[in-house]
Structure formats: structure tokens, C-alpha cells
Amino acid sequence: AALEALRKATAGEGVTADDWVELALCYRDADQRERGLDAARRALRLDEGDARAWRAVGELEVESEVALEHLEKALELAPDDPETMLALGERRSGEGEHMEAIYLLQKATEHGLSSPRLSMALVEAYEGAGQHEDAFREVSTLVKETPSADGYYRMGTVLARLERFDESAAALQRALRLDPSHAVAQYQLGAALMRLARPEEAIAAWEGACKNAPDDPSLKAALGFGYLKLGKNKEAGAACADAVALGLRDVDTLMSFGKLFERLDRREDAVAAYQRIGEVDPDHAPAMARLGENLMELRRFAEAVEPYQQAMLSAPDDPMLRYGLGICYANLGQDAAAAKQLDVLKKLDPDLAEELQWVIE
């Protein structure tokens, strides 16, 4: 209703910069960033001295450098405006400048601002700065004054940082009572329960998280590790394969999954995991070596050649790489290339050289 009224107000003549700012902030609160940014820029074109217009652009701009420039200009024009201090503090915290963020956010408090948004921003800045006790004090006050799922979720993460896992689990459970679909809270609850050696409950929490956010690969990955903890290898393999298919890009996790798939004789899934690593980090020699090995085991010799060659750039004297590449060349009928690998392998590992010689013959 507010948006409709403001849209009508800005559709006629005599529209002021303040009108456009109000519309921009209303769009912001409605999660319509692009429209809000357009309205904020219109305000700025009408009045370049309007601090609120500068702040609105800074809050809605995606590009951090541009956003910071606008927010700093807004603070220059209105040095006592706590809303600008809050917006700039949030940006600074997001850029990893947590101490500067804390200064700005505390200054906003001193200038009379009090809101759940400010409290949450302070909690995040304290956490980023490693001041977990301060974060806990702030979030405790927040949930007493304004109970919410997000508030209890944040309390749970802070308590986990303090290694108070029983209390963390309790806070996260309160978050889920307020919002049963809060997938991130379910994920954190699972992590806390796992630290409390309650794996069955942890898995139940992660299963719920996956149902509420079925396209999140990190949740599937956590579920896979949970199943593995209980020795449910089949379920673990399926969950980990889903995580890879959903676009998981964490290299360390993908390496762990690749090795798991090898143990479970899920070679196709192992190939998918190592190929994803190749997309993220093409120079990751261990992953390229394993990719070549798994492709060779699947008798996909032509595809195995390139990852073997890539791995050999970092480890030219690794006999297993020479052996694998030689096997591929031999099966592709490229005898001269196979013989070249054999000549090098004779110096590195005579026993492997004998095996390769047999394959070539």
C-alpha cells in the first residue's frame, strides 16, 4: 500500500528529491533493489546536496566501492545522521573492516538510534572482529526486546563460537519454533548437535534443512558427512553426489568427496567431483591426477590424457602419472607416445615400467 501511494505521488508534477528518496527506501524494504536504486538516483539528480539521496544510493548499490563513496558523501553532508552511520557501518563490516564498523555503529547508538537492524549489524561486526562476548551480550538484548527467528539463529551461532554448544542448540531450536523453514538455523543446529555427539539428531536437522532449501549444495554436503559419520555409506554417497550436481565449489570438500566416491566405487561421481575442481582451480595437480586415474579406470582413455598432462606439469617425476598416461596412450594405439613415457618410467620406477611394457606389447 505504501509503495502504491508513493508511486502515485511520484507520477505527477512537482515531485521532489525527498519524494524519490521515500520511494527508494520503500522499495528497499520491499526487497526491490533495482527499482529502489533507480528512484534514489532520480532523487540525486534533482538535488545533489540531499544527504538522504546519497545514503539511499549507497544502501542500494551493489558495487561496494561505489556504495562506500556515496555513503561517505552522505555522512559528510549529514555528519550526525545515525541512519547513515548504520548503513556505512554495515558496508564496512561486509568489507571486513570490522573495527571501523563497530565505531560507526556504536556512534549511531550514541546518536539515539535503536533498532533490530542496528543490533544485528553490531552482532555481525563484533563476530567479525572476534569479540564474541560482546556479540553475545548484544544479541541477548536483541532477542529479549524483539524475539525473532533470525535473532535466535544469530544467538546460536555466537554461542557456537564460544563453544557453548548446549546453549547454541537451544537457541537454534527456539529459532526453528518461530520459523520451522529456517534452513540455515537447521544447518547450524545440526552442526551443534554433532559437536554434542548426537549424530542422529544432527542428521534429522540437516535432512530438514535440505527439504527447506533443496538447491543449496552446502546443506547436501553436510548431510553427506553426517551419514558418513553414522557409517551409512550408501546414503552418504548419494547426498555428496547431489551436492556436486547442485554446484558445490569448495575445493577441499570436493577432494574429500572424490576420495569417498573412489572408496564406494562410484567412479562417475568421482570424475564429476574432480572435474568441478578443475573448473574452480585448473592448476590443482592432485585433483587432475585423480581425474585422470578415474577416467582411465572407466576406460575413457582419450579424456584421461589431458588431466594427466596437466598434473605432470607440477610433478614431472611422478611415476604413477607417467604410468597412467602411458596406459592411456597404449590403449589409444599411440605407441610412440606410450614408448616415450616408458623410457622415462624405466628411470623412475623399473617395476612400473615392466607393467607398462607388458600393456604396450
Foldseek 3Di string as FASTA:
>chain_A
DQLVVLVVVVPDPPDALVSLLSNLVVCVVVVNLVSSLVSLVVSCVRPVLALSSLQSNLQRDPDLVSSLVSLVVSCVSPVLALVSLLSNLLSCLVVLVLVSSLVSLVSSVVSPDDDLSSLVSNLSSCVSVVNLVVSLVSLVVSCVVPNALVSLLSNLVSVVSVVVLVSSLVSLVSSCVRPVLPLVSLQSNLVSCVVVVNLVSSLVSLVSSCVSVVLALVSLLSNLVSCVVVVVLVSSLVSNLSSLVSPDQDLVSLVVSLVSCVVVVVLVSNLSSLVSPCVNPVLPLVSLQSNLVSCVVVVVLVVSQVSLVSNCVVPVLDLSSLLSNLLSCLVVVVLVSSVVSLVSNCVRPVVSSVVSVVSND
